[in-house]
Protein backbone atom coordinates (compact mmCIF):
# COMPACT_ATOMS: atom_id res chain seq x y z
CA MET A 1 0.00 0.00 0.00
CA ASP A 2 1.44 3.37 -1.04
CA SER A 3 2.42 6.08 1.40
CA ILE A 4 3.36 9.74 0.97
CA LYS A 5 6.57 11.16 2.43
CA ILE A 6 6.96 14.89 3.06
CA GLU A 7 9.92 16.96 4.23
CA GLY A 8 8.07 20.00 5.56
CA GLY A 9 8.87 23.62 6.22
CA VAL A 10 9.05 24.86 2.61
CA PRO A 11 6.84 27.85 1.65
CA LEU A 12 4.91 26.95 -1.51
CA LYS A 13 5.35 29.26 -4.49
CA GLY A 14 3.86 28.76 -7.93
CA ASP A 15 0.76 27.91 -9.95
CA ILE A 16 -1.68 25.06 -9.32
CA THR A 17 -4.32 24.13 -11.88
CA ILE A 18 -7.61 22.96 -10.38
CA GLY A 19 -9.36 19.99 -11.96
CA GLY A 20 -13.00 19.17 -12.48
CA ALA A 21 -15.11 18.61 -9.37
CA LYS A 22 -15.44 15.01 -8.26
CA ASN A 23 -18.70 15.79 -6.48
CA ALA A 24 -20.13 17.24 -9.71
CA ALA A 25 -18.72 14.61 -12.05
CA LEU A 26 -20.24 11.62 -10.23
CA PRO A 27 -23.93 12.68 -10.46
CA LEU A 28 -23.35 13.88 -14.03
CA MET A 29 -22.12 10.39 -14.91
CA THR A 30 -25.25 8.76 -13.45
CA ALA A 31 -27.43 11.16 -15.47
CA SER A 32 -26.30 9.21 -18.55
CA LEU A 33 -28.69 6.42 -17.45
CA LEU A 34 -31.62 8.72 -18.25
CA THR A 35 -31.13 8.63 -22.03
CA ALA A 36 -30.22 6.23 -24.82
CA GLU A 37 -28.15 8.95 -26.48
CA PRO A 38 -24.49 9.78 -25.68
CA LEU A 39 -23.72 12.18 -22.83
CA THR A 40 -20.29 13.76 -23.15
CA LEU A 41 -18.65 15.26 -20.07
CA VAL A 42 -15.68 17.60 -20.42
CA ASN A 43 -13.11 18.55 -17.75
CA MET A 44 -13.49 15.22 -15.97
CA PRO A 45 -10.99 14.52 -13.19
CA ASP A 46 -8.91 11.34 -13.26
CA LEU A 47 -9.73 9.90 -9.82
CA ALA A 48 -10.31 6.53 -8.20
CA ASP A 49 -13.97 7.37 -7.53
CA ILE A 50 -14.52 8.11 -11.23
CA GLY A 51 -13.13 4.69 -12.08
CA THR A 52 -15.33 3.02 -9.48
CA LEU A 53 -18.51 4.60 -10.83
CA SER A 54 -17.45 3.81 -14.40
CA LYS A 55 -17.34 0.12 -13.44
CA LEU A 56 -20.84 0.32 -11.97
CA LEU A 57 -22.25 2.09 -15.04
CA ARG A 58 -20.65 -0.50 -17.32
CA HIS A 59 -22.31 -3.16 -15.18
CA HIS A 60 -25.67 -1.55 -16.03
CA GLY A 61 -24.79 -1.64 -19.74
CA THR A 62 -23.35 1.84 -20.26
CA ARG A 63 -20.47 2.26 -22.69
CA VAL A 64 -17.81 4.53 -21.17
CA ASP A 65 -15.21 6.08 -23.48
CA GLN A 66 -12.45 8.36 -22.19
CA SER A 67 -9.69 10.43 -23.74
CA ALA A 68 -7.33 13.10 -22.44
CA ILE A 69 -7.85 16.76 -23.34
CA GLY A 70 -5.42 19.63 -23.34
CA ALA A 71 -5.40 22.78 -21.29
CA GLY A 72 -8.67 24.66 -21.45
CA HIS A 73 -10.10 22.55 -24.28
CA GLU A 74 -13.87 23.11 -24.20
CA SER A 75 -13.75 23.09 -20.41
CA GLY A 76 -15.30 26.50 -19.92
CA ASP A 77 -12.43 27.36 -17.57
CA ALA A 78 -9.19 28.74 -18.96
CA GLY A 79 -6.23 26.61 -17.97
CA ALA A 80 -8.30 23.60 -16.96
CA THR A 81 -7.10 20.15 -17.82
CA GLY A 82 -8.77 16.80 -17.60
CA GLN A 83 -10.48 14.02 -19.48
CA THR A 84 -13.41 13.99 -21.82
CA MET A 85 -15.80 11.11 -21.15
CA THR A 86 -18.68 9.93 -23.31
CA LEU A 87 -21.28 7.67 -21.71
CA THR A 88 -23.86 5.86 -23.82
CA ALA A 89 -26.62 3.91 -22.08
CA ASP A 90 -28.58 2.93 -25.17
CA ARG A 91 -29.32 -0.47 -23.67
CA ILE A 92 -29.72 -1.04 -19.93
CA THR A 93 -28.71 -4.65 -19.39
CA ASP A 94 -28.86 -4.95 -15.58
CA LEU A 95 -31.07 -3.16 -13.05
CA THR A 96 -29.09 -4.31 -10.00
CA ALA A 97 -26.31 -2.23 -8.46
CA PRO A 98 -24.47 -4.93 -6.51
CA TYR A 99 -22.89 -4.60 -3.09
CA ASP A 100 -19.40 -5.37 -4.35
CA LEU A 101 -19.43 -2.23 -6.50
CA VAL A 102 -21.61 0.10 -4.42
CA ARG A 103 -19.83 -0.53 -1.10
CA ARG A 104 -16.72 1.27 -2.35
CA MET A 105 -18.37 4.66 -2.78
CA ARG A 106 -21.45 6.32 -1.39
CA ALA A 107 -22.27 8.23 -4.61
CA SER A 108 -23.16 4.89 -6.23
CA VAL A 109 -26.65 5.25 -4.77
CA LEU A 110 -27.24 7.97 -7.37
CA VAL A 111 -28.04 5.30 -9.97
CA LEU A 112 -31.31 4.69 -8.10
CA GLY A 113 -33.27 7.72 -9.34
CA PRO A 114 -32.27 7.42 -13.03
CA LEU A 115 -32.86 3.65 -13.24
CA LEU A 116 -36.22 3.95 -11.52
CA ALA A 117 -37.33 6.86 -13.74
CA ARG A 118 -36.27 5.33 -17.03
CA MET A 119 -36.81 1.60 -16.42
CA GLY A 120 -39.49 1.61 -13.70
CA GLU A 121 -37.42 -0.66 -11.49
CA ALA A 122 -34.08 -0.79 -9.63
CA LYS A 123 -32.29 -2.87 -7.03
CA VAL A 124 -29.46 -0.94 -5.39
CA SER A 125 -27.20 -2.02 -2.55
CA LEU A 126 -27.05 0.25 0.46
CA PRO A 127 -23.94 2.39 -0.12
CA GLY A 128 -20.50 2.61 1.46
CA GLY A 129 -17.87 5.36 1.36
CA CYS A 130 -15.91 7.27 3.98
CA ALA A 131 -16.65 6.34 7.59
CA ILE A 132 -17.53 9.86 8.72
CA GLY A 133 -20.82 9.18 10.42
CA SER A 134 -24.37 8.26 9.56
CA ARG A 135 -25.47 9.49 6.12
CA PRO A 136 -28.77 7.68 5.73
CA VAL A 137 -30.48 7.38 2.37
CA ASP A 138 -33.93 7.43 3.95
CA LEU A 139 -34.47 11.01 2.71
CA HIS A 140 -33.83 9.81 -0.86
CA LEU A 141 -36.27 6.94 -0.44
CA LYS A 142 -39.09 8.94 1.18
CA ALA A 143 -38.84 11.55 -1.58
CA LEU A 144 -39.04 8.87 -4.30
CA GLU A 145 -42.06 7.37 -2.54
CA GLN A 146 -43.75 10.75 -2.83
CA LEU A 147 -43.29 10.44 -6.59
CA GLY A 148 -45.16 7.15 -6.47
CA ALA A 149 -42.30 4.66 -6.11
CA LYS A 150 -42.72 1.53 -4.03
CA ILE A 151 -39.66 1.05 -1.85
CA ASP A 152 -38.62 -1.99 0.16
CA VAL A 153 -35.31 -2.28 2.00
CA ARG A 154 -34.21 -5.78 2.87
CA GLU A 155 -31.08 -7.92 2.94
CA GLY A 156 -28.91 -4.84 2.44
CA TYR A 157 -30.61 -3.76 -0.78
CA ILE A 158 -33.09 -1.09 -1.86
CA TYR A 159 -35.84 -2.61 -4.03
CA ALA A 160 -37.65 0.16 -5.91
CA SER A 161 -40.42 -0.03 -8.50
CA ALA A 162 -42.74 2.35 -10.32
CA THR A 163 -44.62 0.18 -12.79
CA GLY A 164 -46.95 2.97 -13.83
CA GLY A 165 -44.16 5.52 -13.99
CA LEU A 166 -43.25 8.23 -11.51
CA LYS A 167 -45.64 11.15 -10.97
CA GLY A 168 -44.77 14.71 -10.05
CA ALA A 169 -45.46 15.86 -6.50
CA LYS A 170 -44.55 18.48 -3.92
CA VAL A 171 -41.54 17.25 -1.95
CA THR A 172 -40.05 19.07 1.04
CA PHE A 173 -36.85 17.69 2.50
CA PRO A 174 -36.87 17.88 6.32
CA LYS A 175 -33.14 18.63 6.16
CA VAL A 176 -30.85 19.63 3.32
CA THR A 177 -29.46 16.59 1.49
CA VAL A 178 -27.15 16.89 -1.50
CA GLY A 179 -27.48 13.28 -2.64
CA GLY A 180 -31.23 13.29 -2.05
CA THR A 181 -31.63 16.45 -4.14
CA GLU A 182 -29.58 14.90 -6.95
CA ASN A 183 -31.49 11.61 -6.94
CA LEU A 184 -34.85 13.37 -6.95
CA LEU A 185 -33.83 15.82 -9.69
CA MET A 186 -32.96 12.96 -12.01
CA ALA A 187 -36.05 10.95 -11.15
CA ALA A 188 -38.42 13.92 -11.50
CA ALA A 189 -36.96 14.86 -14.90
CA LEU A 190 -38.81 11.88 -16.44
CA ALA A 191 -41.84 11.85 -14.10
CA LYS A 192 -45.33 12.67 -15.35
CA GLY A 193 -46.35 16.18 -14.36
CA GLU A 194 -44.59 18.76 -12.23
CA THR A 195 -42.46 18.28 -9.13
CA LEU A 196 -41.86 21.09 -6.65
CA LEU A 197 -38.78 20.37 -4.54
CA GLU A 198 -38.43 22.54 -1.45
CA ASN A 199 -35.45 22.83 0.90
CA ALA A 200 -33.27 21.56 -1.94
CA ALA A 201 -29.50 21.63 -1.59
CA ARG A 202 -27.94 24.70 -3.23
CA GLU A 203 -24.39 23.44 -3.77
CA PRO A 204 -22.78 24.39 -7.10
CA GLU A 205 -22.62 20.70 -7.98
CA ILE A 206 -26.44 20.61 -7.85
CA GLY A 207 -26.55 23.50 -10.29
CA ASN A 208 -24.11 21.70 -12.60
CA LEU A 209 -26.39 18.64 -12.61
CA ALA A 210 -29.57 20.68 -13.16
CA GLU A 211 -27.99 22.56 -16.06
CA CYS A 212 -26.82 19.25 -17.53
CA LEU A 213 -30.34 17.85 -17.32
CA ASN A 214 -31.72 20.96 -19.00
CA ALA A 215 -29.14 20.56 -21.77
CA MET A 216 -30.51 17.02 -22.18
CA GLY A 217 -34.05 18.37 -22.60
CA ALA A 218 -35.32 18.57 -19.02
CA ASP A 219 -37.36 21.54 -17.75
CA ILE A 220 -35.89 22.67 -14.40
CA THR A 221 -36.19 26.18 -12.97
CA GLY A 222 -35.04 27.76 -9.72
CA ILE A 223 -31.46 26.55 -10.18
CA GLY A 224 -29.22 27.90 -7.42
CA SER A 225 -32.12 28.39 -5.00
CA GLY A 226 -33.65 26.18 -2.33
CA THR A 227 -36.79 25.63 -4.42
CA LEU A 228 -36.58 23.68 -7.66
CA ARG A 229 -39.46 23.21 -10.08
CA ILE A 230 -39.17 20.24 -12.43
CA LYS A 231 -41.65 19.72 -15.25
CA GLY A 232 -41.35 16.12 -16.32
CA VAL A 233 -40.68 15.27 -19.96
CA ALA A 234 -41.27 12.05 -21.90
CA SER A 235 -37.61 11.52 -22.78
CA LEU A 236 -34.16 13.09 -22.63
CA HIS A 237 -31.48 13.30 -25.30
CA GLY A 238 -27.71 13.49 -25.38
CA ALA A 239 -25.66 16.58 -24.57
CA ARG A 240 -22.14 17.90 -24.06
CA VAL A 241 -21.53 19.43 -20.64
CA ALA A 242 -18.51 20.82 -18.76
CA VAL A 243 -17.80 19.75 -15.17
CA ILE A 244 -17.34 22.76 -12.87
CA PRO A 245 -13.99 23.29 -11.10
CA ASP A 246 -13.46 21.42 -7.84
CA ARG A 247 -14.10 23.88 -5.01
CA ILE A 248 -12.70 21.52 -2.35
CA GLU A 249 -9.48 21.04 -4.27
CA THR A 250 -9.41 24.83 -4.65
CA GLY A 251 -9.78 25.31 -0.90
CA THR A 252 -7.26 22.62 -0.02
CA TYR A 253 -4.52 24.19 -2.16
CA ALA A 254 -5.43 27.67 -0.93
CA ILE A 255 -4.79 26.44 2.60
CA ALA A 256 -1.59 24.73 1.44
CA GLY A 257 -0.31 28.13 0.37
CA ALA A 258 -1.40 29.72 3.65
CA ILE A 259 -0.17 27.01 6.03
CA THR A 260 3.32 27.08 4.50
CA ARG A 261 3.30 30.89 4.56
CA GLY A 262 3.79 30.86 0.81
CA ARG A 263 2.12 32.27 -2.30
CA VAL A 264 0.16 30.18 -4.80
CA THR A 265 -1.98 31.05 -7.82
CA LEU A 266 -4.97 28.76 -8.32
CA LYS A 267 -5.85 28.47 -11.99
CA GLY A 268 -8.94 27.13 -13.74
CA THR A 269 -11.25 27.73 -10.79
CA ARG A 270 -13.85 30.28 -9.64
CA TYR A 271 -14.00 32.50 -6.58
CA ASP A 272 -17.77 32.23 -6.20
CA LEU A 273 -17.57 28.46 -5.63
CA LEU A 274 -15.81 28.93 -2.28
CA GLU A 275 -16.51 32.42 -1.08
CA SER A 276 -17.12 31.34 2.54
CA VAL A 277 -13.64 29.82 2.84
CA PHE A 278 -11.93 32.79 1.20
CA THR A 279 -13.76 35.10 3.61
CA SER A 280 -12.52 33.07 6.59
CA LEU A 281 -8.98 33.05 5.17
CA ARG A 282 -9.01 36.83 4.93
CA GLN A 283 -10.24 37.06 8.54
CA ALA A 284 -7.28 34.88 9.50
CA GLY A 285 -4.87 37.35 7.89
CA VAL A 286 -4.35 35.55 4.59
CA GLU A 287 -4.28 37.66 1.43
CA VAL A 288 -6.73 36.41 -1.22
CA GLU A 289 -7.04 38.15 -4.58
CA ASP A 290 -9.24 37.14 -7.50
CA THR A 291 -7.26 38.12 -10.60
CA LYS A 292 -7.46 37.47 -14.34
CA ASP A 293 -4.61 34.96 -13.94
CA GLY A 294 -6.31 33.05 -11.13
CA ILE A 295 -6.96 33.25 -7.41
CA VAL A 296 -3.77 34.37 -5.64
CA VAL A 297 -3.37 33.22 -2.02
CA SER A 298 -0.44 34.45 0.08
CA ALA A 299 0.40 34.51 3.78
CA ARG A 300 3.28 36.85 4.44
CA ASN A 301 2.31 37.53 8.03
CA GLY A 302 1.07 35.39 10.90
CA ILE A 303 -2.21 33.49 10.85
CA ARG A 304 -4.90 34.46 13.36
CA GLY A 305 -7.30 31.98 14.93
CA VAL A 306 -10.79 32.22 13.35
CA ASP A 307 -13.92 30.33 14.40
CA VAL A 308 -15.92 28.49 11.74
CA ALA A 309 -19.03 26.31 11.71
CA THR A 310 -19.82 24.01 8.81
CA ASP A 311 -23.09 24.58 7.02
CA PRO A 312 -24.73 23.68 3.69
CA PHE A 313 -23.77 25.91 0.74
CA PRO A 314 -23.20 28.85 0.75
CA GLY A 315 -21.87 28.20 4.26
CA PHE A 316 -18.47 26.81 5.21
CA PRO A 317 -18.18 23.35 3.60
CA THR A 318 -17.91 20.29 5.82
CA ASP A 319 -15.41 18.97 3.26
CA MET A 320 -13.06 21.83 4.25
CA GLN A 321 -13.32 21.37 8.00
CA ALA A 322 -10.30 19.07 8.44
CA GLN A 323 -8.09 21.29 6.26
CA TRP A 324 -9.13 24.37 8.23
CA MET A 325 -8.24 22.60 11.46
CA ALA A 326 -4.72 21.94 10.16
CA LEU A 327 -4.33 25.65 9.37
CA MET A 328 -5.67 26.71 12.75
CA ALA A 329 -3.17 24.37 14.44
CA THR A 330 -0.48 26.78 13.19
CA ALA A 331 -2.34 30.02 14.02
CA ASP A 332 -1.71 32.64 16.68
CA GLY A 333 -4.36 32.14 19.35
CA ALA A 334 -7.30 29.78 19.66
CA SER A 335 -10.20 28.96 17.38
CA MET A 336 -13.37 26.91 17.56
CA ILE A 337 -14.50 24.61 14.76
CA THR A 338 -18.10 23.36 14.91
CA GLU A 339 -19.25 20.47 12.72
CA THR A 340 -22.99 20.60 12.01
CA ILE A 341 -23.25 18.20 9.06
CA PHE A 342 -21.70 14.88 10.14
CA GLU A 343 -21.45 13.64 13.71
CA ASN A 344 -18.22 11.66 13.33
CA ARG A 345 -15.96 13.94 11.35
CA PHE A 346 -13.21 14.62 13.88
CA MET A 347 -11.36 11.36 13.30
CA HIS A 348 -8.34 13.29 12.05
CA VAL A 349 -7.83 14.93 15.47
CA PRO A 350 -5.69 12.14 17.00
CA GLU A 351 -3.52 12.09 13.87
CA LEU A 352 -3.06 15.89 13.90
CA ALA A 353 -2.06 15.54 17.56
CA ARG A 354 0.87 13.41 16.42
CA PHE A 355 2.25 16.55 14.75
CA GLY A 356 1.93 18.38 18.08
CA ALA A 357 -1.39 20.06 17.27
CA ASP A 358 -3.35 21.11 20.36
CA VAL A 359 -6.98 20.15 19.68
CA ASN A 360 -9.68 19.31 22.22
CA VAL A 361 -13.03 17.97 21.04
CA HIS A 362 -16.21 18.79 22.96
CA GLY A 363 -19.21 17.17 21.30
CA ALA A 364 -19.72 18.77 17.90
CA SER A 365 -17.01 21.39 18.44
CA ALA A 366 -13.24 21.36 18.58
CA ILE A 367 -11.06 23.95 20.30
CA VAL A 368 -7.76 24.46 18.47
CA ARG A 369 -4.91 26.27 20.19
CA GLY A 370 -2.34 27.25 17.63
CA ARG A 371 1.29 26.24 17.93
CA LYS A 372 4.26 28.08 16.46
CA LYS A 373 5.74 24.83 15.27
CA LEU A 374 4.48 21.40 14.23
CA SER A 375 6.79 18.40 13.98
CA GLY A 376 6.69 15.73 11.31
CA ALA A 377 5.35 12.32 12.27
CA PRO A 378 4.11 9.01 10.87
CA VAL A 379 0.32 9.27 10.53
CA MET A 380 -2.59 7.36 9.03
CA ALA A 381 -5.45 8.70 6.91
CA THR A 382 -8.99 7.86 8.05
CA ASP A 383 -11.03 9.38 5.20
CA LEU A 384 -10.64 11.51 2.09
CA ARG A 385 -10.64 15.03 3.53
CA ALA A 386 -8.87 13.97 6.74
CA SER A 387 -6.03 12.65 4.60
CA SER A 388 -5.61 16.04 2.94
CA SER A 389 -5.40 17.71 6.36
CA LEU A 390 -2.47 15.44 7.19
CA VAL A 391 -0.73 16.45 3.97
CA LEU A 392 -1.22 20.11 4.90
CA ALA A 393 0.14 19.58 8.40
CA GLY A 394 3.09 17.69 6.93
CA LEU A 395 3.86 20.56 4.57
CA ALA A 396 3.99 22.99 7.50
CA ALA A 397 5.79 20.73 9.98
CA SER A 398 9.53 20.53 10.48
CA GLY A 399 11.12 17.19 9.69
CA GLU A 400 9.71 14.15 7.93
CA THR A 401 6.07 13.07 7.72
CA VAL A 402 4.92 9.73 6.35
CA ILE A 403 1.20 9.40 5.58
CA ASN A 404 -0.17 5.89 5.28
CA ARG A 405 -3.43 4.63 3.69
CA VAL A 406 -3.25 7.32 1.02
CA TYR A 407 -5.74 5.47 -1.19
CA HIS A 408 -8.24 7.82 0.44
CA LEU A 409 -6.42 10.75 -1.21
CA ASP A 410 -6.60 9.11 -4.62
CA ARG A 411 -10.39 9.13 -4.38
CA GLY A 412 -10.53 12.91 -4.49
CA TYR A 413 -7.20 14.51 -5.44
CA GLU A 414 -5.64 14.15 -8.88
CA ARG A 415 -1.81 14.24 -9.08
CA LEU A 416 -1.56 15.83 -5.64
CA GLU A 417 2.15 15.13 -5.18
CA GLN A 418 3.04 16.52 -8.61
CA LYS A 419 0.99 19.70 -8.12
CA LEU A 420 2.57 20.40 -4.74
CA ALA A 421 6.10 19.47 -5.87
CA ALA A 422 5.79 21.94 -8.76
CA CYS A 423 5.39 24.65 -6.12
CA GLY A 424 8.50 23.58 -4.22
CA ALA A 425 7.11 21.01 -1.79
CA ARG A 426 9.46 18.14 -0.92
CA ILE A 427 6.90 15.40 -1.35
CA GLU A 428 6.94 11.95 -2.93
CA ARG A 429 4.84 8.83 -3.16
CA VAL A 430 6.49 5.70 -1.82
CA SER A 431 5.37 2.26 -3.00
CA PRO A 432 6.02 -0.86 -0.90
CA GLY A 433 8.83 -3.13 -1.95
């Protein structure tokens, strides 16, 4: 199993190009199940999770064709790089999403809505993914039932059917759910009549999916708001759609520049995708400038402790909480980090403590008392975003850091070592043997 070795203490200086968003690309891929025509996705990241979902879609009968693209080619974002992927589900050959494939990644449950809407039936294993607390799919299932689906959960599988087709309805989520919003959007696109979805998630990835569906012939209004109106259509067609830049990758590298007291320019991304994090960085004393060449992040002076609480978009993202904690571990003074989305997302705290970070957890909040110096240590990743916080701490720490179980990183960060090394980081991947 690979590990990553870092010799810390080097201020990062240089340009980092941001790839397509994993959390946008995955639902866009499942949208291909809604039509027999090809769906082409541009600016796709090359990540382990993309490969996992490709295997599942092929299992259902989808043809998946990939090729590399050059900088900025039809991506909609100057300087972006990535893959172009064409998915063609002209013949659905299997309506079961098996445990062996679904257990590897939670987003696999997003095949449920499209299969049910197009084929009237689906059998989907309960999903897996990072162990960061309970993320039940019951909100997805209750919403689909309101569209007329019959749902039965047994033996670890979701059995769903809608023999007469799905029917539009008013659906109000009791709490904001990104995956639930995505599943219902895709299902309602082919339902009979109109669906009014209230308390919908507002994340940019939701907007990317809704715009993709509209490009395929859907009728969705209210994009970007908490109320979505979907007028069902009889069928959808193919389209060509760009994946938005990855806002979590953007934030992670912004913090990499800040935690090393360096200066990085983030290219191929957008300020509006992560305004809450940039605001908090400025409050902490970090300089953030949105320029024509990219977002420039520099930390020439000390970092101040700043409190944050995670919240659905446009609030501070839960996927940036671990990275923020690493930064605050190097700040002047104390800060409080409150996690409101997932109840078990402080698993990185014991590993950050191995660097010398002073963090005390009290229920849903963590008190971080900044230290002038962190020391390198052997650590182990527990989930995707926690693993990136360990990389950040390693970049700032003196001495050597070795991060184990880095397969978590490969799920969400493309060419991380190369991007950081190009900015001066002393970082390398080490393979066993």
